Amino acid sequence: MDGDDGAAFSEYEQVMQKVAQAPCPVCGSQTIRPLGELENLFVFVQMANAAGEILSRPGERGGHTAVPIACDRCGFLRLHMTAILQEKQGAPQE
């Protein structure tokens, strides 16, 4: 699966390396990495209303594609929206 606009995971790699350098907010570990055997998985987050009705499906408006990264020590999982990563990828690096 690719990102929102069909972008491959490799297009987010530079930003993800910077994100993964931040310590885990739960345990402080420095071992944060993208998920998957090849560390190249995407997650589609569906939107639902209070009644539990699904408002979006993959490819439909209203959901979000994200890159999951996890702490190797405690398992804390973060999702980073591909739309934001794409914006950051084009921004000048600090």
N, C-alpha and C. Protein backbone atom coordinates (compact mmCIF):
# COMPACT_ATOMS: atom_id res chain seq x y z
N MET A 1 0.86 -1.18 0.00
CA MET A 1 0.00 0.00 0.00
C MET A 1 0.89 1.23 0.00
N ASP A 2 0.49 2.21 -0.74
CA ASP A 2 1.24 3.45 -0.79
C ASP A 2 0.54 4.50 0.05
N GLY A 3 1.17 5.67 0.15
CA GLY A 3 0.61 6.79 0.89
C GLY A 3 -0.60 7.39 0.21
N ASP A 4 -1.12 8.50 0.76
CA ASP A 4 -2.34 9.13 0.27
C ASP A 4 -2.32 9.41 -1.22
N ASP A 5 -1.19 9.83 -1.76
CA ASP A 5 -1.11 10.22 -3.16
C ASP A 5 -0.38 9.18 -4.00
N GLY A 6 -0.25 7.98 -3.49
CA GLY A 6 0.45 6.93 -4.22
C GLY A 6 1.95 6.95 -4.01
N ALA A 7 2.42 7.79 -3.10
CA ALA A 7 3.86 7.88 -2.83
C ALA A 7 4.35 6.61 -2.15
N ALA A 8 5.54 6.19 -2.49
CA ALA A 8 6.14 5.02 -1.87
C ALA A 8 6.72 5.40 -0.51
N PHE A 9 6.88 4.40 0.36
CA PHE A 9 7.42 4.64 1.70
C PHE A 9 8.77 5.35 1.64
N SER A 10 9.58 5.02 0.64
CA SER A 10 10.92 5.60 0.55
C SER A 10 10.89 7.12 0.45
N GLU A 11 9.78 7.68 -0.01
CA GLU A 11 9.67 9.13 -0.11
C GLU A 11 9.59 9.80 1.26
N TYR A 12 9.24 9.04 2.28
CA TYR A 12 9.14 9.57 3.64
C TYR A 12 10.35 9.21 4.49
N GLU A 13 11.28 8.45 3.93
CA GLU A 13 12.38 7.89 4.70
C GLU A 13 13.22 8.95 5.41
N GLN A 14 13.54 10.04 4.74
CA GLN A 14 14.38 11.08 5.35
C GLN A 14 13.72 11.68 6.59
N VAL A 15 12.44 12.00 6.48
CA VAL A 15 11.72 12.57 7.63
C VAL A 15 11.57 11.53 8.73
N MET A 16 11.29 10.26 8.36
CA MET A 16 11.11 9.22 9.37
C MET A 16 12.40 8.97 10.15
N GLN A 17 13.53 9.09 9.50
CA GLN A 17 14.79 8.92 10.22
C GLN A 17 14.92 9.98 11.31
N LYS A 18 14.51 11.20 11.01
CA LYS A 18 14.57 12.28 12.00
C LYS A 18 13.57 12.03 13.13
N VAL A 19 12.36 11.60 12.78
CA VAL A 19 11.32 11.30 13.78
C VAL A 19 11.78 10.17 14.70
N ALA A 20 12.39 9.14 14.12
CA ALA A 20 12.81 7.98 14.90
C ALA A 20 13.98 8.29 15.83
N GLN A 21 14.65 9.41 15.65
CA GLN A 21 15.75 9.78 16.54
C GLN A 21 15.25 10.30 17.88
N ALA A 22 14.01 10.73 17.93
CA ALA A 22 13.44 11.23 19.19
C ALA A 22 13.22 10.05 20.13
N PRO A 23 13.52 10.21 21.40
CA PRO A 23 13.32 9.09 22.34
C PRO A 23 11.84 8.77 22.53
N CYS A 24 11.58 7.56 22.95
CA CYS A 24 10.21 7.12 23.24
C CYS A 24 9.65 8.00 24.37
N PRO A 25 8.44 8.55 24.20
CA PRO A 25 7.88 9.40 25.25
C PRO A 25 7.43 8.61 26.48
N VAL A 26 7.36 7.28 26.39
CA VAL A 26 6.92 6.46 27.52
C VAL A 26 8.10 5.98 28.36
N CYS A 27 9.12 5.38 27.69
CA CYS A 27 10.22 4.77 28.46
C CYS A 27 11.58 5.43 28.21
N GLY A 28 11.66 6.34 27.25
CA GLY A 28 12.92 7.04 26.99
C GLY A 28 13.89 6.29 26.09
N SER A 29 13.52 5.12 25.63
CA SER A 29 14.40 4.33 24.77
C SER A 29 14.70 5.06 23.46
N GLN A 30 15.87 4.81 22.92
CA GLN A 30 16.26 5.39 21.64
C GLN A 30 16.00 4.42 20.48
N THR A 31 15.43 3.25 20.77
CA THR A 31 15.22 2.25 19.72
C THR A 31 13.78 2.34 19.20
N ILE A 32 13.56 3.31 18.34
CA ILE A 32 12.27 3.55 17.69
C ILE A 32 12.44 3.20 16.22
N ARG A 33 11.50 2.44 15.66
CA ARG A 33 11.64 2.09 14.24
C ARG A 33 10.28 1.88 13.59
N PRO A 34 10.22 2.04 12.26
CA PRO A 34 8.98 1.73 11.53
C PRO A 34 8.67 0.25 11.64
N LEU A 35 7.41 -0.10 11.50
CA LEU A 35 6.99 -1.49 11.62
C LEU A 35 7.10 -2.24 10.30
N GLY A 36 7.14 -3.54 10.39
CA GLY A 36 7.18 -4.42 9.23
C GLY A 36 8.57 -5.02 9.05
N GLU A 37 8.59 -6.18 8.42
CA GLU A 37 9.85 -6.87 8.18
C GLU A 37 10.82 -5.98 7.40
N LEU A 38 10.29 -5.23 6.45
CA LEU A 38 11.12 -4.32 5.66
C LEU A 38 11.01 -2.88 6.16
N GLU A 39 10.34 -2.70 7.29
CA GLU A 39 10.10 -1.38 7.88
C GLU A 39 9.49 -0.43 6.85
N ASN A 40 8.46 -0.93 6.14
CA ASN A 40 7.86 -0.12 5.09
C ASN A 40 6.33 -0.23 5.06
N LEU A 41 5.71 -0.42 6.22
CA LEU A 41 4.26 -0.59 6.27
C LEU A 41 3.53 0.74 6.39
N PHE A 42 2.33 0.79 5.83
CA PHE A 42 1.42 1.91 6.01
C PHE A 42 0.19 1.39 6.74
N VAL A 43 -0.53 2.28 7.41
CA VAL A 43 -1.77 1.95 8.09
C VAL A 43 -2.83 2.93 7.59
N PHE A 44 -4.04 2.43 7.29
CA PHE A 44 -5.14 3.32 6.95
C PHE A 44 -6.04 3.43 8.16
N VAL A 45 -6.24 4.63 8.67
CA VAL A 45 -7.07 4.87 9.85
C VAL A 45 -8.45 5.29 9.36
N GLN A 46 -9.44 4.46 9.65
CA GLN A 46 -10.81 4.77 9.24
C GLN A 46 -11.45 5.71 10.25
N MET A 47 -12.34 6.53 9.76
CA MET A 47 -13.08 7.44 10.62
C MET A 47 -14.45 6.84 10.90
N ALA A 48 -14.95 7.02 12.13
CA ALA A 48 -16.27 6.51 12.51
C ALA A 48 -16.97 7.56 13.36
N ASN A 49 -18.30 7.52 13.36
CA ASN A 49 -19.05 8.44 14.21
C ASN A 49 -19.29 7.79 15.57
N ALA A 50 -19.97 8.49 16.47
CA ALA A 50 -20.19 7.99 17.83
C ALA A 50 -20.99 6.70 17.86
N ALA A 51 -21.80 6.45 16.81
CA ALA A 51 -22.60 5.23 16.74
C ALA A 51 -21.78 4.05 16.20
N GLY A 52 -20.54 4.31 15.82
CA GLY A 52 -19.68 3.25 15.31
C GLY A 52 -19.81 3.01 13.82
N GLU A 53 -20.53 3.88 13.12
CA GLU A 53 -20.68 3.73 11.67
C GLU A 53 -19.40 4.20 10.99
N ILE A 54 -18.87 3.35 10.11
CA ILE A 54 -17.65 3.69 9.38
C ILE A 54 -17.95 4.79 8.39
N LEU A 55 -17.16 5.86 8.43
CA LEU A 55 -17.37 6.99 7.54
C LEU A 55 -16.42 7.00 6.36
N SER A 56 -15.42 6.13 6.41
CA SER A 56 -14.44 6.11 5.32
C SER A 56 -13.88 4.71 5.14
N ARG A 57 -13.45 4.45 3.95
CA ARG A 57 -12.79 3.20 3.61
C ARG A 57 -11.55 3.53 2.80
N PRO A 58 -10.59 2.64 2.70
CA PRO A 58 -9.40 2.95 1.91
C PRO A 58 -9.76 3.49 0.53
N GLY A 59 -9.14 4.59 0.18
CA GLY A 59 -9.39 5.22 -1.11
C GLY A 59 -10.51 6.25 -1.07
N GLU A 60 -11.26 6.30 0.02
CA GLU A 60 -12.32 7.28 0.15
C GLU A 60 -11.84 8.44 1.01
N ARG A 61 -12.46 9.57 0.82
CA ARG A 61 -12.14 10.75 1.62
C ARG A 61 -12.60 10.53 3.06
N GLY A 62 -11.85 11.05 4.01
CA GLY A 62 -12.26 10.96 5.40
C GLY A 62 -11.38 10.06 6.25
N GLY A 63 -10.53 9.29 5.63
CA GLY A 63 -9.60 8.46 6.38
C GLY A 63 -8.21 9.03 6.25
N HIS A 64 -7.27 8.44 6.95
CA HIS A 64 -5.89 8.92 6.93
C HIS A 64 -4.93 7.76 6.75
N THR A 65 -3.93 7.94 5.90
CA THR A 65 -2.86 6.97 5.75
C THR A 65 -1.73 7.41 6.67
N ALA A 66 -1.15 6.47 7.39
CA ALA A 66 -0.11 6.80 8.36
C ALA A 66 1.02 5.77 8.30
N VAL A 67 2.18 6.20 8.78
CA VAL A 67 3.33 5.32 8.93
C VAL A 67 3.42 4.97 10.42
N PRO A 68 3.33 3.68 10.79
CA PRO A 68 3.43 3.30 12.19
C PRO A 68 4.89 3.11 12.61
N ILE A 69 5.26 3.67 13.75
CA ILE A 69 6.58 3.41 14.31
C ILE A 69 6.39 3.00 15.77
N ALA A 70 7.26 2.13 16.24
CA ALA A 70 7.10 1.57 17.58
C ALA A 70 8.43 1.55 18.33
N CYS A 71 8.32 1.58 19.65
CA CYS A 71 9.48 1.46 20.53
C CYS A 71 9.79 -0.03 20.69
N ASP A 72 11.06 -0.39 20.49
CA ASP A 72 11.47 -1.78 20.65
C ASP A 72 11.47 -2.23 22.11
N ARG A 73 11.54 -1.30 23.04
CA ARG A 73 11.59 -1.66 24.46
C ARG A 73 10.20 -1.85 25.05
N CYS A 74 9.32 -0.85 24.93
CA CYS A 74 8.02 -0.93 25.61
C CYS A 74 6.85 -1.16 24.67
N GLY A 75 7.06 -1.04 23.36
CA GLY A 75 5.99 -1.29 22.41
C GLY A 75 5.09 -0.11 22.12
N PHE A 76 5.40 1.06 22.69
CA PHE A 76 4.59 2.24 22.42
C PHE A 76 4.52 2.46 20.91
N LEU A 77 3.32 2.68 20.39
CA LEU A 77 3.11 2.82 18.96
C LEU A 77 2.67 4.24 18.62
N ARG A 78 3.32 4.82 17.63
CA ARG A 78 2.93 6.15 17.13
C ARG A 78 2.56 6.02 15.67
N LEU A 79 1.57 6.80 15.26
CA LEU A 79 1.17 6.86 13.85
C LEU A 79 1.48 8.26 13.33
N HIS A 80 2.19 8.33 12.23
CA HIS A 80 2.54 9.61 11.62
C HIS A 80 1.84 9.71 10.28
N MET A 81 0.97 10.71 10.13
CA MET A 81 0.20 10.89 8.91
C MET A 81 1.11 11.16 7.72
N THR A 82 0.88 10.45 6.62
CA THR A 82 1.71 10.62 5.43
C THR A 82 1.57 12.03 4.84
N ALA A 83 0.40 12.64 4.98
CA ALA A 83 0.22 14.00 4.45
C ALA A 83 1.16 14.98 5.14
N ILE A 84 1.32 14.84 6.45
CA ILE A 84 2.22 15.72 7.21
C ILE A 84 3.67 15.40 6.88
N LEU A 85 4.00 14.10 6.80
CA LEU A 85 5.37 13.71 6.45
C LEU A 85 5.75 14.26 5.08
N GLN A 86 4.80 14.24 4.17
CA GLN A 86 5.07 14.75 2.83
C GLN A 86 5.38 16.24 2.87
N GLU A 87 4.64 16.99 3.68
CA GLU A 87 4.90 18.43 3.85
C GLU A 87 6.30 18.63 4.43
N LYS A 88 6.65 17.86 5.45
CA LYS A 88 7.95 17.99 6.11
C LYS A 88 9.09 17.58 5.20
N GLN A 89 8.84 16.58 4.34
CA GLN A 89 9.88 16.12 3.42
C GLN A 89 10.32 17.26 2.51
N GLY A 90 9.37 18.12 2.12
CA GLY A 90 9.68 19.22 1.23
C GLY A 90 10.23 20.44 1.96
N ALA A 91 10.11 20.48 3.29
CA ALA A 91 10.58 21.62 4.07
C ALA A 91 12.10 21.56 4.24
N PRO A 92 12.74 22.71 4.35
CA PRO A 92 14.19 22.72 4.61
C PRO A 92 14.52 22.01 5.91
N GLN A 93 15.55 21.20 5.92
CA GLN A 93 15.96 20.47 7.12
C GLN A 93 16.72 21.40 8.07
N GLU A 94 16.43 21.25 9.36
CA GLU A 94 17.09 22.08 10.39
C GLU A 94 18.50 21.59 10.64
